[in-house]
């Protein structure tokens, strides 16, 4: 059993090392996402709301325990086009983008004294709708996502009852079925016929968080995470398609290609032995017009649920 544990740990380290090395690999040039998609991703990365739910595999398991987790993400957002007025006048936006979808990510982590190893899955659907009223043009898309990966958790401080520091290293592979259509005749596709492309995405991540116990049922968790998504395979697939700009836009907002650094403060609540991570819900409840761009209306939420068995 111990030898199998060592083999799995070495495998995960090798996979994650490959992911981090690939950061230096240049992306292939193709159709660029529109400004409206780039704006959404930029605001997601630099939002001034610090209350965010930490990633789904970033847990602090107790020694000699089995941790079962479930991350639930719901996406509901809309973005207006760029405001070109320089005089503060009300401007009619010709462009708009609606985003929706969900992801379920179960995980299983077996923890020892200092280290834990685990597996995680990811199953979800995404959709988008782009409109340009000035051109009377509409694009729609759908994404079906499924995949999984593995992770290692290191708890260097395991005796403390007040503060628990944890590091997580992992990688996952996603298979994506991506479809798009428009209301305009193209060279090879009739109006409202769907074009489909299929590709795989490799992701690696490294993060840390500190679980601070406030009461027996309440925790505050500052966290940070660096992830890298290899965008070469999605770029190849989108570059060969009729709707390459729609595919590229979806990849920008849903897959976050390249390097991404995220951080925040999470809130953990324990109810009947089950921990709920609800930082995103707290941020949503406290949000105001100054938190995000005035162009974005984001009603997305995500919650982590976990239970430990000894």
Protein backbone atom coordinates (compact mmCIF):
# COMPACT_ATOMS: atom_id res chain seq x y z
CA UNK A 1 0.00 0.00 0.00
CA UNK A 2 2.83 2.36 0.92
CA UNK A 3 4.70 1.67 -2.33
CA UNK A 4 1.54 2.39 -4.35
CA UNK A 5 1.16 5.67 -2.46
CA UNK A 6 4.74 6.66 -3.40
CA UNK A 7 4.18 5.75 -7.07
CA UNK A 8 1.00 7.84 -7.25
CA UNK A 9 2.71 10.79 -5.58
CA UNK A 10 5.61 10.66 -8.06
CA UNK A 11 3.17 10.44 -10.98
CA UNK A 12 1.28 13.53 -9.83
CA UNK A 13 4.54 15.45 -9.33
CA UNK A 14 5.63 14.55 -12.87
CA UNK A 15 2.31 15.62 -14.39
CA UNK A 16 2.27 18.94 -12.53
CA UNK A 17 5.91 19.61 -13.44
CA UNK A 18 5.05 19.18 -17.11
CA UNK A 19 2.16 21.62 -16.71
CA UNK A 20 4.35 24.30 -15.11
CA UNK A 21 7.11 23.85 -17.69
CA UNK A 22 4.57 24.39 -20.46
CA UNK A 23 4.11 27.97 -19.25
CA UNK A 24 7.12 28.86 -21.36
CA UNK A 25 5.51 27.42 -24.51
CA UNK A 26 4.26 30.23 -26.80
CA UNK A 27 0.62 30.15 -27.86
CA UNK A 28 -0.24 29.68 -31.51
CA UNK A 29 -1.67 32.74 -33.25
CA UNK A 30 -5.27 32.51 -34.40
CA UNK A 31 -8.48 34.51 -34.37
CA UNK A 32 -8.43 36.80 -31.35
CA UNK A 33 -11.31 37.01 -28.85
CA UNK A 34 -13.36 40.18 -29.08
CA UNK A 35 -12.79 43.05 -26.67
CA UNK A 36 -15.98 42.13 -24.82
CA UNK A 37 -14.61 38.69 -23.86
CA UNK A 38 -11.19 40.05 -22.91
CA UNK A 39 -12.87 42.66 -20.70
CA UNK A 40 -14.86 40.00 -18.85
CA UNK A 41 -11.80 37.87 -18.16
CA UNK A 42 -9.77 40.88 -17.02
CA UNK A 43 -12.49 41.94 -14.59
CA UNK A 44 -12.80 38.40 -13.24
CA UNK A 45 -9.06 38.35 -12.50
CA UNK A 46 -8.87 41.83 -10.97
CA UNK A 47 -12.18 42.22 -9.19
CA UNK A 48 -11.80 44.20 -5.96
CA UNK A 49 -14.11 41.80 -4.13
CA UNK A 50 -11.76 39.74 -1.95
CA UNK A 51 -14.41 37.28 -0.79
CA UNK A 52 -14.08 34.29 -3.12
CA UNK A 53 -14.50 30.56 -2.73
CA UNK A 54 -11.16 28.77 -2.96
CA UNK A 55 -10.61 26.16 -5.74
CA UNK A 56 -12.38 22.83 -5.30
CA UNK A 57 -9.35 20.67 -4.45
CA UNK A 58 -7.84 23.09 -1.90
CA UNK A 59 -8.88 21.42 1.35
CA UNK A 60 -7.21 20.88 4.75
CA UNK A 61 -7.84 17.23 5.60
CA UNK A 62 -7.11 15.93 9.08
CA UNK A 63 -4.42 13.22 9.45
CA UNK A 64 -5.50 9.67 8.59
CA UNK A 65 -8.81 10.67 7.06
CA UNK A 66 -10.79 10.37 3.84
CA UNK A 67 -12.14 13.68 2.56
CA UNK A 68 -14.98 13.74 0.05
CA UNK A 69 -15.64 17.09 -1.61
CA UNK A 70 -18.00 18.58 -4.15
CA UNK A 71 -17.51 21.91 -5.89
CA UNK A 72 -20.59 23.46 -7.49
CA UNK A 73 -20.26 26.40 -9.89
CA UNK A 74 -23.15 28.26 -11.49
CA UNK A 75 -22.50 30.87 -14.19
CA UNK A 76 -24.95 33.66 -15.08
CA UNK A 77 -23.40 36.86 -16.45
CA UNK A 78 -23.98 39.52 -19.08
CA UNK A 79 -21.55 42.04 -20.59
CA UNK A 80 -22.15 45.20 -22.61
CA UNK A 81 -19.92 46.40 -25.42
CA UNK A 82 -17.25 49.06 -25.05
CA UNK A 83 -18.41 52.58 -24.13
CA UNK A 84 -16.71 54.95 -26.57
CA UNK A 85 -18.16 58.16 -25.14
CA UNK A 86 -15.55 60.48 -23.58
CA UNK A 87 -18.03 62.97 -22.11
CA UNK A 88 -19.91 60.77 -19.67
CA UNK A 89 -22.96 60.67 -21.93
CA UNK A 90 -25.28 57.70 -22.00
CA UNK A 91 -24.17 55.43 -24.80
CA UNK A 92 -26.19 52.75 -26.54
CA UNK A 93 -24.16 49.57 -26.63
CA UNK A 94 -24.32 47.77 -29.95
CA UNK A 95 -22.65 44.62 -28.58
CA UNK A 96 -23.70 42.30 -25.77
CA UNK A 97 -22.60 38.92 -24.44
CA UNK A 98 -24.62 36.52 -22.26
CA UNK A 99 -22.86 33.69 -20.42
CA UNK A 100 -24.42 30.74 -18.62
CA UNK A 101 -23.58 27.25 -17.44
CA UNK A 102 -22.63 25.03 -14.51
CA UNK A 103 -19.86 22.69 -13.37
CA UNK A 104 -19.88 19.84 -10.84
CA UNK A 105 -16.44 18.79 -9.58
CA UNK A 106 -16.35 15.86 -7.10
CA UNK A 107 -13.07 14.99 -5.37
CA UNK A 108 -11.68 12.28 -3.10
CA UNK A 109 -8.59 12.82 -0.94
CA UNK A 110 -6.85 10.23 1.26
CA UNK A 111 -4.73 11.98 3.90
CA UNK A 112 -1.85 10.72 6.02
CA UNK A 113 0.09 12.58 8.71
CA UNK A 114 1.51 15.30 6.48
CA UNK A 115 0.53 14.42 2.92
CA UNK A 116 -2.67 13.59 1.08
CA UNK A 117 -3.33 12.35 -2.44
CA UNK A 118 -6.59 12.48 -4.33
CA UNK A 119 -8.56 12.32 -7.53
CA UNK A 120 -11.06 14.83 -8.89
CA UNK A 121 -13.57 14.97 -11.72
CA UNK A 122 -15.17 17.80 -13.69
CA UNK A 123 -18.50 17.70 -15.51
CA UNK A 124 -20.21 20.75 -16.89
CA UNK A 125 -21.98 22.68 -19.62
CA UNK A 126 -21.39 26.20 -20.90
CA UNK A 127 -23.21 28.42 -23.36
CA UNK A 128 -22.83 31.93 -24.71
CA UNK A 129 -24.76 34.32 -26.92
CA UNK A 130 -23.11 37.26 -28.69
CA UNK A 131 -25.23 39.98 -30.30
CA UNK A 132 -24.35 42.98 -32.45
CA UNK A 133 -27.50 45.02 -32.99
CA UNK A 134 -25.84 47.43 -35.40
CA UNK A 135 -24.94 44.57 -37.75
CA UNK A 136 -28.06 42.52 -36.94
CA UNK A 137 -25.71 39.63 -36.18
CA UNK A 138 -26.00 36.88 -33.55
CA UNK A 139 -23.72 34.01 -32.50
CA UNK A 140 -24.56 31.19 -30.10
CA UNK A 141 -22.43 28.42 -28.66
CA UNK A 142 -22.53 25.36 -26.42
CA UNK A 143 -19.76 23.51 -24.59
CA UNK A 144 -19.89 20.05 -22.99
CA UNK A 145 -16.97 19.48 -20.62
CA UNK A 146 -15.84 16.35 -18.79
CA UNK A 147 -12.54 15.14 -17.42
CA UNK A 148 -10.52 14.55 -14.29
CA UNK A 149 -7.16 14.74 -12.62
CA UNK A 150 -5.08 14.11 -9.53
CA UNK A 151 -3.63 16.25 -6.75
CA UNK A 152 -1.25 16.20 -3.76
CA UNK A 153 -1.92 18.08 -0.52
CA UNK A 154 0.84 18.92 1.99
CA UNK A 155 -0.06 19.97 5.53
CA UNK A 156 3.19 21.09 7.22
CA UNK A 157 1.33 22.10 10.41
CA UNK A 158 -0.97 19.27 11.47
CA UNK A 159 -1.14 19.64 15.27
CA UNK A 160 -2.45 23.19 15.44
CA UNK A 161 -6.15 23.50 16.27
CA UNK A 162 -6.32 27.21 15.33
CA UNK A 163 -4.35 27.54 12.07
CA UNK A 164 -3.78 24.95 9.33
CA UNK A 165 -1.51 25.72 6.38
CA UNK A 166 -1.99 23.59 3.26
CA UNK A 167 -0.35 23.45 -0.16
CA UNK A 168 -2.00 21.82 -3.18
CA UNK A 169 -0.31 20.65 -6.38
CA UNK A 170 -2.31 19.04 -9.17
CA UNK A 171 -3.20 18.62 -12.80
CA UNK A 172 -6.22 17.61 -14.85
CA UNK A 173 -7.23 16.90 -18.41
CA UNK A 174 -10.57 18.03 -19.88
CA UNK A 175 -12.32 16.79 -23.01
CA UNK A 176 -14.51 19.40 -24.67
CA UNK A 177 -17.25 19.20 -27.28
CA UNK A 178 -17.78 22.74 -28.60
CA UNK A 179 -20.54 23.90 -30.96
CA UNK A 180 -21.40 27.27 -32.50
CA UNK A 181 -23.87 28.80 -34.95
CA UNK A 182 -24.90 32.22 -36.28
CA UNK A 183 -27.87 33.83 -38.03
CA UNK A 184 -25.75 34.63 -41.10
CA UNK A 185 -25.07 32.55 -44.19
CA UNK A 186 -21.46 31.31 -44.30
CA UNK A 187 -19.44 29.80 -47.13
CA UNK A 188 -20.03 26.20 -46.09
CA UNK A 189 -22.69 26.26 -43.37
CA UNK A 190 -26.37 27.14 -43.71
CA UNK A 191 -27.90 29.59 -41.20
CA UNK A 192 -28.60 28.01 -37.77
CA UNK A 193 -26.62 24.84 -38.53
CA UNK A 194 -24.22 23.99 -35.73
CA UNK A 195 -20.51 23.55 -36.34
CA UNK A 196 -18.76 21.21 -33.90
CA UNK A 197 -15.12 20.98 -32.85
CA UNK A 198 -13.61 18.58 -30.29
CA UNK A 199 -10.39 19.08 -28.36
CA UNK A 200 -8.62 18.41 -25.08
CA UNK A 201 -7.28 20.87 -22.51
CA UNK A 202 -4.48 20.24 -20.02
CA UNK A 203 -4.36 22.28 -16.80
CA UNK A 204 -1.87 22.42 -13.92
CA UNK A 205 -2.18 24.34 -10.66
CA UNK A 206 -0.27 25.13 -7.48
CA UNK A 207 -1.83 26.89 -4.51
CA UNK A 208 -1.81 27.49 -0.77
CA UNK A 209 -4.33 28.45 1.87
CA UNK A 210 -4.43 29.10 5.62
CA UNK A 211 -7.45 27.86 7.53
CA UNK A 212 -8.01 30.09 10.58
CA UNK A 213 -10.55 28.86 13.13
CA UNK A 214 -12.72 31.67 14.54
CA UNK A 215 -15.24 29.48 16.35
CA UNK A 216 -15.88 25.75 16.30
CA UNK A 217 -18.24 26.22 13.34
CA UNK A 218 -16.62 29.17 11.54
CA UNK A 219 -13.35 29.56 9.60
CA UNK A 220 -11.69 32.32 7.59
CA UNK A 221 -9.43 31.07 4.79
CA UNK A 222 -7.04 33.37 2.90
CA UNK A 223 -5.84 31.59 -0.25
CA UNK A 224 -3.79 32.00 -3.41
CA UNK A 225 -3.59 29.84 -6.52
CA UNK A 226 -1.53 29.86 -9.72
CA UNK A 227 -2.86 27.84 -12.65
CA UNK A 228 -1.77 27.28 -16.22
CA UNK A 229 -4.02 26.14 -19.07
CA UNK A 230 -2.35 24.91 -22.25
CA UNK A 231 -4.15 26.80 -25.02
CA UNK A 232 -2.46 25.14 -28.01
CA UNK A 233 -5.00 22.37 -28.62
CA UNK A 234 -8.06 24.69 -28.32
CA UNK A 235 -6.34 27.25 -30.55
CA UNK A 236 -5.60 24.66 -33.23
CA UNK A 237 -9.22 23.49 -33.21
CA UNK A 238 -10.72 27.00 -33.28
CA UNK A 239 -8.34 28.25 -35.98
CA UNK A 240 -9.70 25.71 -38.47
CA UNK A 241 -13.36 26.52 -37.86
CA UNK A 242 -15.88 28.81 -39.52
CA UNK A 243 -16.84 30.42 -36.19
CA UNK A 244 -13.28 30.80 -34.96
CA UNK A 245 -13.95 34.11 -33.18
CA UNK A 246 -16.88 32.67 -31.20
CA UNK A 247 -14.85 29.60 -30.24
CA UNK A 248 -11.90 31.80 -29.23
CA UNK A 249 -14.18 34.03 -27.16
CA UNK A 250 -15.59 31.06 -25.25
CA UNK A 251 -12.12 29.73 -24.60
CA UNK A 252 -11.07 33.12 -23.24
CA UNK A 253 -13.90 33.39 -20.69
CA UNK A 254 -14.40 29.72 -19.79
CA UNK A 255 -10.95 28.09 -20.08
CA UNK A 256 -8.64 31.01 -19.16
CA UNK A 257 -5.72 29.96 -21.40
CA UNK A 258 -2.20 30.73 -20.23
CA UNK A 259 -1.21 31.69 -16.69
CA UNK A 260 -3.76 32.88 -14.13
CA UNK A 261 -3.08 34.07 -10.58
CA UNK A 262 -6.12 34.20 -8.31
CA UNK A 263 -6.54 34.87 -4.60
CA UNK A 264 -9.13 35.83 -2.02
CA UNK A 265 -10.68 35.25 1.38
CA UNK A 266 -13.03 32.31 1.81
CA UNK A 267 -15.53 31.67 4.59
CA UNK A 268 -15.99 28.13 5.93
CA UNK A 269 -19.03 27.05 7.92
CA UNK A 270 -19.37 23.63 9.59
CA UNK A 271 -22.89 22.22 9.90
CA UNK A 272 -23.40 18.72 11.32
CA UNK A 273 -19.89 17.68 10.36
CA UNK A 274 -20.14 19.02 6.80
CA UNK A 275 -18.05 22.07 5.81
CA UNK A 276 -19.44 24.64 3.38
CA UNK A 277 -17.07 27.10 1.69
CA UNK A 278 -19.21 30.12 0.85
CA UNK A 279 -16.77 32.99 0.19
CA UNK A 280 -18.27 33.63 -3.22
CA UNK A 281 -21.76 33.90 -1.71
CA UNK A 282 -20.51 36.45 0.83
CA UNK A 283 -18.86 38.46 -1.95
CA UNK A 284 -22.07 38.30 -3.98
CA UNK A 285 -24.14 39.54 -1.03
CA UNK A 286 -21.75 42.43 -0.33
CA UNK A 287 -21.19 43.40 -3.96
CA UNK A 288 -21.98 46.90 -5.19
CA UNK A 289 -21.54 48.82 -8.42
CA UNK A 290 -17.97 49.76 -7.48
CA UNK A 291 -16.78 46.14 -7.19
CA UNK A 292 -16.96 45.18 -10.86
CA UNK A 293 -17.06 46.98 -14.16
CA UNK A 294 -20.34 48.81 -14.77
CA UNK A 295 -20.50 46.89 -18.06
CA UNK A 296 -20.79 43.53 -16.28
CA UNK A 297 -23.77 42.06 -14.45
CA UNK A 298 -22.48 38.89 -12.83
CA UNK A 299 -24.82 36.67 -10.82
CA UNK A 300 -22.48 33.66 -10.81
CA UNK A 301 -21.89 31.70 -7.59
CA UNK A 302 -19.79 28.74 -6.50
CA UNK A 303 -19.78 26.71 -3.32
CA UNK A 304 -17.56 23.88 -2.00
CA UNK A 305 -18.98 21.11 0.19
CA UNK A 306 -16.76 18.61 2.03
CA UNK A 307 -17.00 15.89 4.68
CA UNK A 308 -14.26 13.92 6.45
CA UNK A 309 -14.29 10.29 7.58
CA UNK A 310 -11.73 8.90 10.04
